[in-house]
């Protein structure tokens, strides 16, 4: 079974940090571009950040540039999203997704094949 599992979400105050993890089982992430996407209530799902299979290339949404960092440890079959300086508008369910192609640059949800169940991030005082 090919599966992605997100973890690390929770409640954090504005300005705080969280580190999300996306662990793969049933397949290796070595050959997959990975994306982090988020969806807030009543809003469309949006691409947050995407990373190439090697980890050498990344893309970030304008809203998170300078605050979020995507990384991967292929030896651990895990991708991370370090989120700093969190804002209330970052509140959403965060999903990781994998694409066997080359999707990191476009970071479009429509190109990603495998999805995790999501983890809730809430930024509030």
N, C-alpha and C. Protein backbone atom coordinates (compact mmCIF):
# COMPACT_ATOMS: atom_id res chain seq x y z
N UNK A 1 0.84 -1.18 0.00
CA UNK A 1 0.00 0.00 0.00
C UNK A 1 0.89 1.24 0.00
N UNK A 2 0.62 2.15 -0.92
CA UNK A 2 1.35 3.40 -0.99
C UNK A 2 0.64 4.42 -0.11
N UNK A 3 1.37 4.98 0.82
CA UNK A 3 0.74 5.85 1.81
C UNK A 3 1.68 6.97 2.23
N UNK A 4 1.09 8.13 2.45
CA UNK A 4 1.78 9.27 3.02
C UNK A 4 1.07 9.66 4.30
N UNK A 5 1.82 9.91 5.35
CA UNK A 5 1.24 10.26 6.63
C UNK A 5 1.88 11.54 7.14
N UNK A 6 1.06 12.57 7.34
CA UNK A 6 1.54 13.82 7.88
C UNK A 6 1.46 13.80 9.40
N UNK A 7 2.34 14.53 10.02
CA UNK A 7 2.30 14.70 11.46
C UNK A 7 2.96 16.02 11.83
N UNK A 8 2.76 16.44 13.05
CA UNK A 8 3.41 17.65 13.55
C UNK A 8 2.52 18.86 13.66
N UNK A 9 1.28 18.75 13.23
CA UNK A 9 0.37 19.87 13.35
C UNK A 9 -0.04 20.09 14.79
N UNK A 10 -0.72 21.20 15.00
CA UNK A 10 -1.18 21.52 16.34
C UNK A 10 -1.55 22.97 16.46
N UNK A 11 -1.72 23.40 17.69
CA UNK A 11 -2.07 24.78 18.00
C UNK A 11 -0.81 25.54 18.38
N UNK A 12 -0.62 26.69 17.76
CA UNK A 12 0.55 27.50 18.03
C UNK A 12 0.14 28.97 18.02
N UNK A 13 0.82 29.78 18.81
CA UNK A 13 0.54 31.20 18.84
C UNK A 13 1.17 31.91 17.64
N UNK A 14 0.59 33.04 17.24
CA UNK A 14 1.21 33.81 16.16
C UNK A 14 2.68 34.10 16.47
N UNK A 15 3.50 33.95 15.46
CA UNK A 15 4.93 34.12 15.62
C UNK A 15 5.66 32.85 15.99
N UNK A 16 4.93 31.82 16.32
CA UNK A 16 5.53 30.56 16.70
C UNK A 16 5.92 29.72 15.51
N UNK A 17 6.39 28.52 15.80
CA UNK A 17 6.89 27.62 14.78
C UNK A 17 6.32 26.22 14.94
N UNK A 18 6.22 25.54 13.83
CA UNK A 18 5.87 24.13 13.80
C UNK A 18 6.69 23.46 12.71
N UNK A 19 6.96 22.20 12.91
CA UNK A 19 7.64 21.40 11.90
C UNK A 19 6.76 20.23 11.53
N UNK A 20 6.29 20.23 10.30
CA UNK A 20 5.47 19.14 9.81
C UNK A 20 6.34 18.07 9.16
N UNK A 21 5.93 16.84 9.32
CA UNK A 21 6.63 15.72 8.70
C UNK A 21 5.67 14.96 7.80
N UNK A 22 6.21 14.43 6.74
CA UNK A 22 5.45 13.60 5.81
C UNK A 22 6.26 12.33 5.59
N UNK A 23 5.78 11.24 6.13
CA UNK A 23 6.47 9.97 6.04
C UNK A 23 5.79 9.06 5.03
N UNK A 24 6.58 8.44 4.19
CA UNK A 24 6.06 7.55 3.17
C UNK A 24 6.21 6.10 3.59
N UNK A 25 5.23 5.31 3.24
CA UNK A 25 5.31 3.87 3.42
C UNK A 25 4.79 3.19 2.17
N UNK A 26 5.33 2.03 1.88
CA UNK A 26 4.93 1.30 0.69
C UNK A 26 5.68 1.70 -0.56
N UNK A 27 6.41 2.78 -0.50
CA UNK A 27 7.22 3.21 -1.63
C UNK A 27 8.30 4.15 -1.13
N UNK A 28 9.32 4.32 -1.94
CA UNK A 28 10.38 5.24 -1.59
C UNK A 28 10.11 6.59 -2.23
N UNK A 29 10.47 7.64 -1.52
CA UNK A 29 10.27 9.00 -2.02
C UNK A 29 11.38 9.46 -2.95
N UNK A 30 12.38 8.65 -3.13
CA UNK A 30 13.56 9.06 -3.90
C UNK A 30 13.22 9.57 -5.29
N UNK A 31 12.20 9.01 -5.90
CA UNK A 31 11.90 9.32 -7.29
C UNK A 31 10.72 10.27 -7.43
N UNK A 32 10.26 10.82 -6.34
CA UNK A 32 9.05 11.64 -6.36
C UNK A 32 9.32 13.07 -5.97
N UNK A 33 8.73 13.98 -6.72
CA UNK A 33 8.59 15.34 -6.25
C UNK A 33 7.52 15.35 -5.16
N UNK A 34 7.74 16.17 -4.15
CA UNK A 34 6.81 16.23 -3.02
C UNK A 34 6.31 17.66 -2.86
N UNK A 35 5.04 17.78 -2.59
CA UNK A 35 4.45 19.09 -2.34
C UNK A 35 3.72 19.13 -1.02
N UNK A 36 3.72 20.31 -0.43
CA UNK A 36 2.87 20.60 0.72
C UNK A 36 1.76 21.54 0.25
N UNK A 37 0.55 21.17 0.56
CA UNK A 37 -0.62 21.94 0.20
C UNK A 37 -1.45 22.20 1.45
N UNK A 38 -2.26 23.21 1.41
CA UNK A 38 -3.09 23.50 2.57
C UNK A 38 -4.47 23.97 2.12
N UNK A 39 -5.43 23.74 2.99
CA UNK A 39 -6.79 24.18 2.72
C UNK A 39 -7.43 24.69 4.00
N UNK A 40 -7.82 25.93 3.97
CA UNK A 40 -8.53 26.54 5.08
C UNK A 40 -10.03 26.42 4.83
N UNK A 41 -10.83 26.45 5.89
CA UNK A 41 -12.28 26.35 5.72
C UNK A 41 -12.82 27.41 4.76
N UNK A 42 -13.60 26.98 3.79
CA UNK A 42 -14.20 27.90 2.85
C UNK A 42 -13.27 28.40 1.77
N UNK A 43 -12.05 27.91 1.73
CA UNK A 43 -11.10 28.36 0.73
C UNK A 43 -10.61 27.20 -0.12
N UNK A 44 -10.07 27.54 -1.27
CA UNK A 44 -9.52 26.53 -2.16
C UNK A 44 -8.20 26.01 -1.62
N UNK A 45 -7.90 24.78 -1.96
CA UNK A 45 -6.61 24.23 -1.60
C UNK A 45 -5.52 24.91 -2.42
N UNK A 46 -4.43 25.24 -1.77
CA UNK A 46 -3.36 25.95 -2.44
C UNK A 46 -2.03 25.27 -2.20
N UNK A 47 -1.15 25.43 -3.15
CA UNK A 47 0.20 24.93 -3.00
C UNK A 47 0.99 25.82 -2.06
N UNK A 48 1.62 25.22 -1.09
CA UNK A 48 2.45 25.94 -0.13
C UNK A 48 3.91 25.90 -0.55
N UNK A 49 4.40 24.70 -0.79
CA UNK A 49 5.78 24.52 -1.18
C UNK A 49 5.96 23.17 -1.83
N UNK A 50 6.85 23.10 -2.79
CA UNK A 50 7.15 21.85 -3.46
C UNK A 50 8.66 21.68 -3.59
N UNK A 51 9.09 20.44 -3.64
CA UNK A 51 10.51 20.13 -3.69
C UNK A 51 10.75 19.01 -4.70
N UNK A 52 11.85 19.11 -5.41
CA UNK A 52 12.19 18.10 -6.40
C UNK A 52 12.65 16.82 -5.71
N UNK A 53 12.71 15.76 -6.48
CA UNK A 53 13.03 14.46 -5.91
C UNK A 53 14.38 14.42 -5.22
N UNK A 54 15.34 15.15 -5.76
CA UNK A 54 16.67 15.18 -5.17
C UNK A 54 16.77 16.16 -4.01
N UNK A 55 15.81 17.04 -3.90
CA UNK A 55 15.87 18.09 -2.90
C UNK A 55 16.62 19.32 -3.36
N UNK A 56 17.09 19.31 -4.59
CA UNK A 56 17.90 20.40 -5.08
C UNK A 56 17.14 21.62 -5.52
N UNK A 57 15.85 21.48 -5.73
CA UNK A 57 15.04 22.59 -6.20
C UNK A 57 13.78 22.70 -5.37
N UNK A 58 13.38 23.92 -5.09
CA UNK A 58 12.19 24.16 -4.27
C UNK A 58 11.40 25.33 -4.82
N UNK A 59 10.14 25.37 -4.45
CA UNK A 59 9.27 26.49 -4.79
C UNK A 59 8.36 26.78 -3.61
N UNK A 60 8.09 28.06 -3.40
CA UNK A 60 7.25 28.49 -2.30
C UNK A 60 6.17 29.44 -2.79
N UNK A 61 5.01 29.33 -2.17
CA UNK A 61 3.99 30.33 -2.40
C UNK A 61 4.47 31.67 -1.86
N UNK A 62 4.06 32.74 -2.52
CA UNK A 62 4.49 34.07 -2.09
C UNK A 62 4.14 34.33 -0.62
N UNK A 63 3.03 33.79 -0.18
CA UNK A 63 2.55 34.06 1.17
C UNK A 63 3.43 33.44 2.25
N UNK A 64 4.28 32.48 1.89
CA UNK A 64 5.09 31.81 2.90
C UNK A 64 6.58 31.98 2.68
N UNK A 65 6.97 32.66 1.62
CA UNK A 65 8.39 32.86 1.34
C UNK A 65 9.08 33.56 2.50
N UNK A 66 10.22 33.03 2.87
CA UNK A 66 10.97 33.59 3.97
C UNK A 66 10.56 33.09 5.32
N UNK A 67 9.44 32.40 5.39
CA UNK A 67 8.94 31.88 6.67
C UNK A 67 8.94 30.36 6.72
N UNK A 68 8.65 29.72 5.60
CA UNK A 68 8.57 28.27 5.55
C UNK A 68 9.77 27.71 4.80
N UNK A 69 10.19 26.52 5.18
CA UNK A 69 11.28 25.84 4.50
C UNK A 69 10.90 24.38 4.29
N UNK A 70 10.94 23.95 3.06
CA UNK A 70 10.70 22.55 2.75
C UNK A 70 12.04 21.83 2.61
N UNK A 71 12.10 20.62 3.10
CA UNK A 71 13.31 19.83 3.00
C UNK A 71 12.94 18.36 2.96
N UNK A 72 13.90 17.55 2.60
CA UNK A 72 13.63 16.12 2.57
C UNK A 72 14.85 15.34 3.00
N UNK A 73 14.60 14.21 3.61
CA UNK A 73 15.64 13.27 3.98
C UNK A 73 15.25 11.95 3.35
N UNK A 74 15.76 11.71 2.17
CA UNK A 74 15.37 10.51 1.45
C UNK A 74 15.79 9.24 2.17
N UNK A 75 16.86 9.31 2.94
CA UNK A 75 17.29 8.15 3.70
C UNK A 75 16.25 7.75 4.74
N UNK A 76 15.50 8.72 5.23
CA UNK A 76 14.44 8.47 6.20
C UNK A 76 13.08 8.40 5.54
N UNK A 77 13.05 8.56 4.22
CA UNK A 77 11.80 8.50 3.47
C UNK A 77 10.79 9.51 4.01
N UNK A 78 11.29 10.69 4.32
CA UNK A 78 10.47 11.71 4.97
C UNK A 78 10.74 13.08 4.38
N UNK A 79 9.69 13.86 4.29
CA UNK A 79 9.77 15.25 3.85
C UNK A 79 9.26 16.13 4.98
N UNK A 80 9.85 17.30 5.12
CA UNK A 80 9.52 18.19 6.21
C UNK A 80 9.07 19.55 5.70
N UNK A 81 8.29 20.22 6.52
CA UNK A 81 7.96 21.61 6.28
C UNK A 81 8.15 22.36 7.59
N UNK A 82 9.22 23.12 7.65
CA UNK A 82 9.48 23.96 8.81
C UNK A 82 8.74 25.27 8.63
N UNK A 83 7.87 25.58 9.57
CA UNK A 83 7.04 26.77 9.49
C UNK A 83 7.40 27.70 10.64
N UNK A 84 7.93 28.85 10.31
CA UNK A 84 8.31 29.85 11.29
C UNK A 84 7.46 31.10 11.12
N UNK A 85 7.48 31.94 12.13
CA UNK A 85 6.74 33.20 12.09
C UNK A 85 5.30 32.99 11.64
N UNK A 86 4.66 32.03 12.24
CA UNK A 86 3.32 31.66 11.81
C UNK A 86 2.32 32.77 12.06
N UNK A 87 1.38 32.87 11.14
CA UNK A 87 0.33 33.87 11.19
C UNK A 87 -1.02 33.19 11.27
N UNK A 88 -2.03 33.88 11.79
CA UNK A 88 -3.36 33.27 11.82
C UNK A 88 -3.84 32.80 10.46
N UNK A 89 -3.47 33.50 9.41
CA UNK A 89 -3.89 33.10 8.08
C UNK A 89 -3.22 31.83 7.59
N UNK A 90 -2.26 31.32 8.33
CA UNK A 90 -1.67 30.03 8.01
C UNK A 90 -2.52 28.87 8.51
N UNK A 91 -3.54 29.17 9.28
CA UNK A 91 -4.42 28.13 9.81
C UNK A 91 -5.07 27.36 8.66
N UNK A 92 -4.90 26.06 8.66
CA UNK A 92 -5.43 25.22 7.59
C UNK A 92 -5.10 23.77 7.90
N UNK A 93 -5.69 22.89 7.12
CA UNK A 93 -5.23 21.52 7.10
C UNK A 93 -4.12 21.43 6.07
N UNK A 94 -3.01 20.87 6.47
CA UNK A 94 -1.85 20.76 5.60
C UNK A 94 -1.71 19.33 5.11
N UNK A 95 -1.54 19.19 3.82
CA UNK A 95 -1.41 17.90 3.17
C UNK A 95 -0.06 17.80 2.47
N UNK A 96 0.52 16.63 2.50
CA UNK A 96 1.65 16.37 1.63
C UNK A 96 1.21 15.46 0.50
N UNK A 97 1.87 15.58 -0.62
CA UNK A 97 1.52 14.82 -1.80
C UNK A 97 2.77 14.50 -2.60
N UNK A 98 2.70 13.41 -3.35
CA UNK A 98 3.84 12.93 -4.13
C UNK A 98 3.47 12.82 -5.60
N UNK A 99 4.43 13.15 -6.44
CA UNK A 99 4.26 13.08 -7.89
C UNK A 99 5.48 12.41 -8.50
N UNK A 100 5.24 11.42 -9.33
CA UNK A 100 6.34 10.69 -9.96
C UNK A 100 6.99 11.49 -11.08
N UNK A 101 6.32 12.49 -11.56
CA UNK A 101 6.84 13.32 -12.63
C UNK A 101 7.72 14.43 -12.10
N UNK A 102 7.67 15.56 -12.78
CA UNK A 102 8.45 16.73 -12.40
C UNK A 102 7.51 17.89 -12.15
N UNK A 103 7.01 17.96 -10.95
CA UNK A 103 5.97 18.92 -10.61
C UNK A 103 6.42 20.02 -9.66
N UNK A 104 7.64 19.97 -9.20
CA UNK A 104 8.05 20.88 -8.14
C UNK A 104 7.92 22.33 -8.53
N UNK A 105 8.25 22.66 -9.78
CA UNK A 105 8.25 24.07 -10.19
C UNK A 105 6.84 24.64 -10.24
N UNK A 106 5.94 23.89 -10.84
CA UNK A 106 4.56 24.37 -10.95
C UNK A 106 3.83 24.29 -9.61
N UNK A 107 4.17 23.28 -8.82
CA UNK A 107 3.58 23.09 -7.49
C UNK A 107 2.06 23.15 -7.56
N UNK A 108 1.52 22.43 -8.50
CA UNK A 108 0.08 22.38 -8.72
C UNK A 108 -0.50 21.09 -8.15
N UNK A 109 -1.54 21.21 -7.37
CA UNK A 109 -2.17 20.05 -6.75
C UNK A 109 -2.67 19.05 -7.79
N UNK A 110 -2.99 19.52 -8.97
CA UNK A 110 -3.55 18.65 -10.00
C UNK A 110 -2.54 17.68 -10.58
N UNK A 111 -1.29 17.87 -10.30
CA UNK A 111 -0.25 17.01 -10.82
C UNK A 111 0.24 15.97 -9.82
N UNK A 112 -0.29 15.99 -8.63
CA UNK A 112 0.18 15.10 -7.58
C UNK A 112 -0.75 13.91 -7.42
N UNK A 113 -0.16 12.74 -7.31
CA UNK A 113 -0.89 11.48 -7.39
C UNK A 113 -1.24 10.87 -6.04
N UNK A 114 -0.36 10.99 -5.08
CA UNK A 114 -0.56 10.36 -3.78
C UNK A 114 -0.66 11.42 -2.71
N UNK A 115 -1.64 11.27 -1.84
CA UNK A 115 -1.93 12.28 -0.84
C UNK A 115 -2.04 11.68 0.55
N UNK A 116 -1.58 12.44 1.52
CA UNK A 116 -1.78 12.07 2.90
C UNK A 116 -3.14 12.50 3.40
N UNK A 117 -3.42 12.19 4.65
CA UNK A 117 -4.72 12.49 5.23
C UNK A 117 -4.83 13.91 5.76
N UNK A 118 -3.71 14.58 5.90
CA UNK A 118 -3.70 15.95 6.38
C UNK A 118 -3.45 16.06 7.87
N UNK A 119 -2.89 17.18 8.26
CA UNK A 119 -2.70 17.48 9.67
C UNK A 119 -3.11 18.93 9.91
N UNK A 120 -3.82 19.15 11.00
CA UNK A 120 -4.38 20.47 11.28
C UNK A 120 -3.34 21.37 11.90
N UNK A 121 -3.22 22.57 11.35
CA UNK A 121 -2.39 23.62 11.92
C UNK A 121 -3.31 24.78 12.28
N UNK A 122 -3.28 25.17 13.53
CA UNK A 122 -4.09 26.29 13.99
C UNK A 122 -3.18 27.32 14.63
N UNK A 123 -3.23 28.54 14.12
CA UNK A 123 -2.42 29.64 14.63
C UNK A 123 -3.36 30.63 15.28
N UNK A 124 -3.30 30.72 16.59
CA UNK A 124 -4.24 31.56 17.32
C UNK A 124 -3.66 31.92 18.67
N UNK A 125 -4.07 33.08 19.17
CA UNK A 125 -3.68 33.50 20.51
C UNK A 125 -4.55 32.85 21.57
